[in-house]
Protein backbone atom coordinates (compact mmCIF):
# COMPACT_ATOMS: atom_id res chain seq x y z
CA MET A 1 0.00 0.00 0.00
CA PRO A 2 1.47 3.38 -0.96
CA VAL A 3 2.57 5.60 1.91
CA ILE A 4 2.36 9.38 1.63
CA CYS A 5 5.68 10.98 2.58
CA GLU A 6 5.08 14.43 3.99
CA ALA A 7 7.58 17.16 4.80
CA GLY A 8 6.79 20.36 6.64
CA GLY A 9 5.87 23.28 4.39
CA MET A 10 5.47 21.15 1.26
CA SER A 11 2.45 21.64 -0.95
CA GLU A 12 0.41 18.64 -2.04
CA GLU A 13 2.09 18.84 -5.46
CA GLN A 14 5.52 18.58 -3.83
CA GLN A 15 4.58 15.53 -1.77
CA HIS A 16 5.14 12.18 -3.39
CA VAL A 17 3.53 8.81 -3.06
CA ARG A 18 5.95 6.13 -2.02
CA ASP A 19 5.52 2.91 -4.02
CA GLU A 20 8.19 0.69 -2.47
CA ARG A 21 9.35 -2.51 -4.14
CA SER A 22 11.37 -5.15 -2.32
CA VAL A 23 12.73 -8.67 -2.55
CA THR A 24 14.32 -10.94 0.03
CA LEU A 25 17.35 -13.11 -0.73
CA THR A 26 18.11 -16.24 1.29
CA ARG A 27 21.21 -18.41 1.09
CA ASP A 28 20.59 -21.93 -0.18
CA SER A 29 24.25 -23.03 -0.20
CA VAL A 30 27.66 -21.51 -0.89
CA GLY A 31 27.20 -19.13 -3.83
CA ARG A 32 23.56 -20.13 -4.46
CA TYR A 33 20.62 -17.98 -3.37
CA THR A 34 16.86 -17.73 -3.81
CA VAL A 35 15.22 -14.34 -4.24
CA ARG A 36 11.54 -13.97 -3.34
CA ASN A 37 9.02 -11.19 -3.61
CA GLY A 38 6.03 -10.58 -1.37
CA ARG A 39 3.65 -12.06 -3.95
CA GLY A 40 5.28 -15.50 -3.80
CA GLY A 41 7.43 -15.31 -6.92
CA SER A 42 10.98 -16.59 -6.73
CA ILE A 43 14.12 -17.10 -8.76
CA THR A 44 17.41 -18.78 -7.96
CA THR A 45 20.70 -17.06 -8.69
CA SER A 46 24.29 -18.13 -8.41
CA SER A 47 27.67 -17.45 -9.88
CA GLY A 48 29.72 -19.90 -11.92
CA THR A 49 26.79 -22.23 -12.71
CA ASP A 50 24.19 -22.49 -15.48
CA GLU A 51 21.74 -20.43 -13.42
CA LEU A 52 21.40 -16.71 -14.01
CA SER A 53 24.08 -14.69 -12.24
CA PRO A 54 23.19 -11.51 -10.34
CA VAL A 55 24.56 -9.42 -13.25
CA GLU A 56 22.43 -11.40 -15.70
CA LEU A 57 19.41 -10.81 -13.46
CA LEU A 58 20.08 -7.08 -13.72
CA LEU A 59 20.15 -7.35 -17.52
CA ALA A 60 17.02 -9.52 -17.39
CA GLY A 61 15.33 -6.79 -15.35
CA VAL A 62 16.09 -4.27 -18.08
CA ALA A 63 14.76 -6.65 -20.74
CA GLY A 64 11.64 -7.56 -18.78
CA CYS A 65 10.81 -3.98 -17.91
CA THR A 66 11.08 -2.65 -21.44
CA ALA A 67 9.28 -5.74 -22.79
CA VAL A 68 6.25 -4.97 -20.65
CA ASP A 69 6.24 -1.35 -21.87
CA VAL A 70 6.45 -2.27 -25.54
CA ASP A 71 4.47 -5.52 -25.65
CA THR A 72 1.50 -4.23 -23.68
CA VAL A 73 0.76 -1.52 -26.23
CA THR A 74 1.83 -3.18 -29.50
CA SER A 75 -0.11 -6.36 -28.79
CA ARG A 76 -3.30 -4.30 -28.55
CA ARG A 77 -2.82 -3.72 -32.28
CA ALA A 78 -1.43 -7.11 -33.31
CA GLU A 79 -0.16 -10.25 -31.62
CA PRO A 80 3.54 -10.50 -32.44
CA GLU A 81 4.75 -13.46 -34.49
CA SER A 82 8.00 -13.26 -32.53
CA PHE A 83 9.16 -11.08 -29.66
CA GLU A 84 12.73 -11.16 -28.34
CA ILE A 85 14.86 -8.62 -26.54
CA GLU A 86 18.58 -9.05 -26.02
CA VAL A 87 20.40 -6.96 -23.44
CA SER A 88 24.18 -7.00 -23.37
CA ALA A 89 26.85 -5.02 -21.55
CA ASP A 90 30.58 -4.94 -20.97
CA LYS A 91 31.57 -5.90 -17.43
CA VAL A 92 34.60 -3.85 -16.44
CA LYS A 93 36.80 -3.36 -13.41
CA ASP A 94 38.47 0.03 -13.19
CA GLU A 95 39.09 2.88 -10.75
CA ASN A 96 35.32 2.86 -10.06
CA GLY A 97 35.32 -0.84 -9.12
CA ASN A 98 33.26 -3.52 -10.88
CA HIS A 99 30.41 -2.25 -13.05
CA LEU A 100 28.76 -2.49 -16.44
CA ASN A 101 29.40 -0.21 -19.38
CA ASP A 102 27.72 0.18 -22.73
CA ILE A 103 24.41 -1.51 -21.97
CA GLU A 104 22.70 -2.24 -25.29
CA ILE A 105 19.10 -3.29 -25.80
CA THR A 106 18.20 -4.98 -29.09
CA PHE A 107 14.57 -5.58 -30.01
CA ARG A 108 13.69 -8.38 -32.44
CA VAL A 109 9.95 -8.09 -32.92
CA ARG A 110 7.93 -9.32 -35.90
CA PHE A 111 4.26 -8.65 -36.54
CA PRO A 112 1.98 -10.29 -39.11
CA GLU A 113 1.35 -8.72 -42.49
CA GLY A 114 -1.76 -6.62 -42.78
CA GLU A 115 -3.38 -3.57 -41.26
CA SER A 116 -3.05 -4.61 -37.59
CA GLY A 117 0.61 -5.59 -38.03
CA ASP A 118 1.26 -2.30 -39.81
CA ALA A 119 -0.29 -0.42 -36.89
CA ALA A 120 1.94 -2.26 -34.40
CA ARG A 121 5.06 -1.69 -36.52
CA LYS A 122 4.21 2.00 -36.81
CA ILE A 123 4.13 2.60 -33.03
CA LEU A 124 7.06 0.30 -32.21
CA PRO A 125 9.87 2.90 -32.60
CA SER A 126 8.03 5.44 -30.46
CA LEU A 127 7.33 2.88 -27.73
CA VAL A 128 10.94 1.71 -27.65
CA ARG A 129 12.10 5.33 -27.36
CA ARG A 130 9.57 6.19 -24.65
CA SER A 131 10.39 3.05 -22.68
CA HIS A 132 14.06 4.04 -22.77
CA GLU A 133 13.49 7.73 -21.98
CA GLU A 134 10.52 7.60 -19.64
CA PHE A 135 8.73 4.36 -18.73
CA CYS A 136 11.17 1.55 -17.89
CA THR A 137 11.92 1.92 -14.19
CA VAL A 138 14.85 -0.49 -14.32
CA SER A 139 16.83 1.10 -17.14
CA ARG A 140 15.86 4.61 -16.03
CA THR A 141 17.23 3.84 -12.55
CA ILE A 142 20.52 2.65 -14.03
CA MET A 143 20.73 5.70 -16.28
CA LEU A 144 19.97 8.11 -13.42
CA SER A 145 22.41 6.34 -11.06
CA ALA A 146 20.22 5.70 -8.04
CA ASP A 147 21.79 5.82 -4.60
CA VAL A 148 22.32 2.39 -3.10
CA SER A 149 22.88 1.96 0.62
CA ALA A 150 23.65 -1.12 2.72
CA THR A 151 22.89 -1.74 6.40
CA ILE A 152 23.58 -4.63 8.76
CA GLU A 153 20.83 -5.63 11.17
């Protein structure tokens, strides 16, 4: 449930609604973890195995977020014949520590021939742009460099 964050002297327009998202990670074994959300969804992550690594989960988050933005609207016009998004990045270690550079998102989307497919193809470039510039919370957060803090309880 959203919580209204109020600060003294702020107008209603300056107040914001907090819409917190969270997951909980538990250790399954050395280097293997399960991440769960409050709705019951879960995914296992590890490093050095066939499972998705934490970095790959970050890239998957970008792909999933932008997929929802684009697919939700285009599929109202036409069901795609194929829909695939590839997200890649260079993992580097430099004076800033470990991080990703040059994150690239590639859309491979095909719609059927005809009027409905044409309508979906027509809006696709605009939706991809708007997802990148405005809608996709995951990639927007990366681009805006959100503060990350850690605490020990």
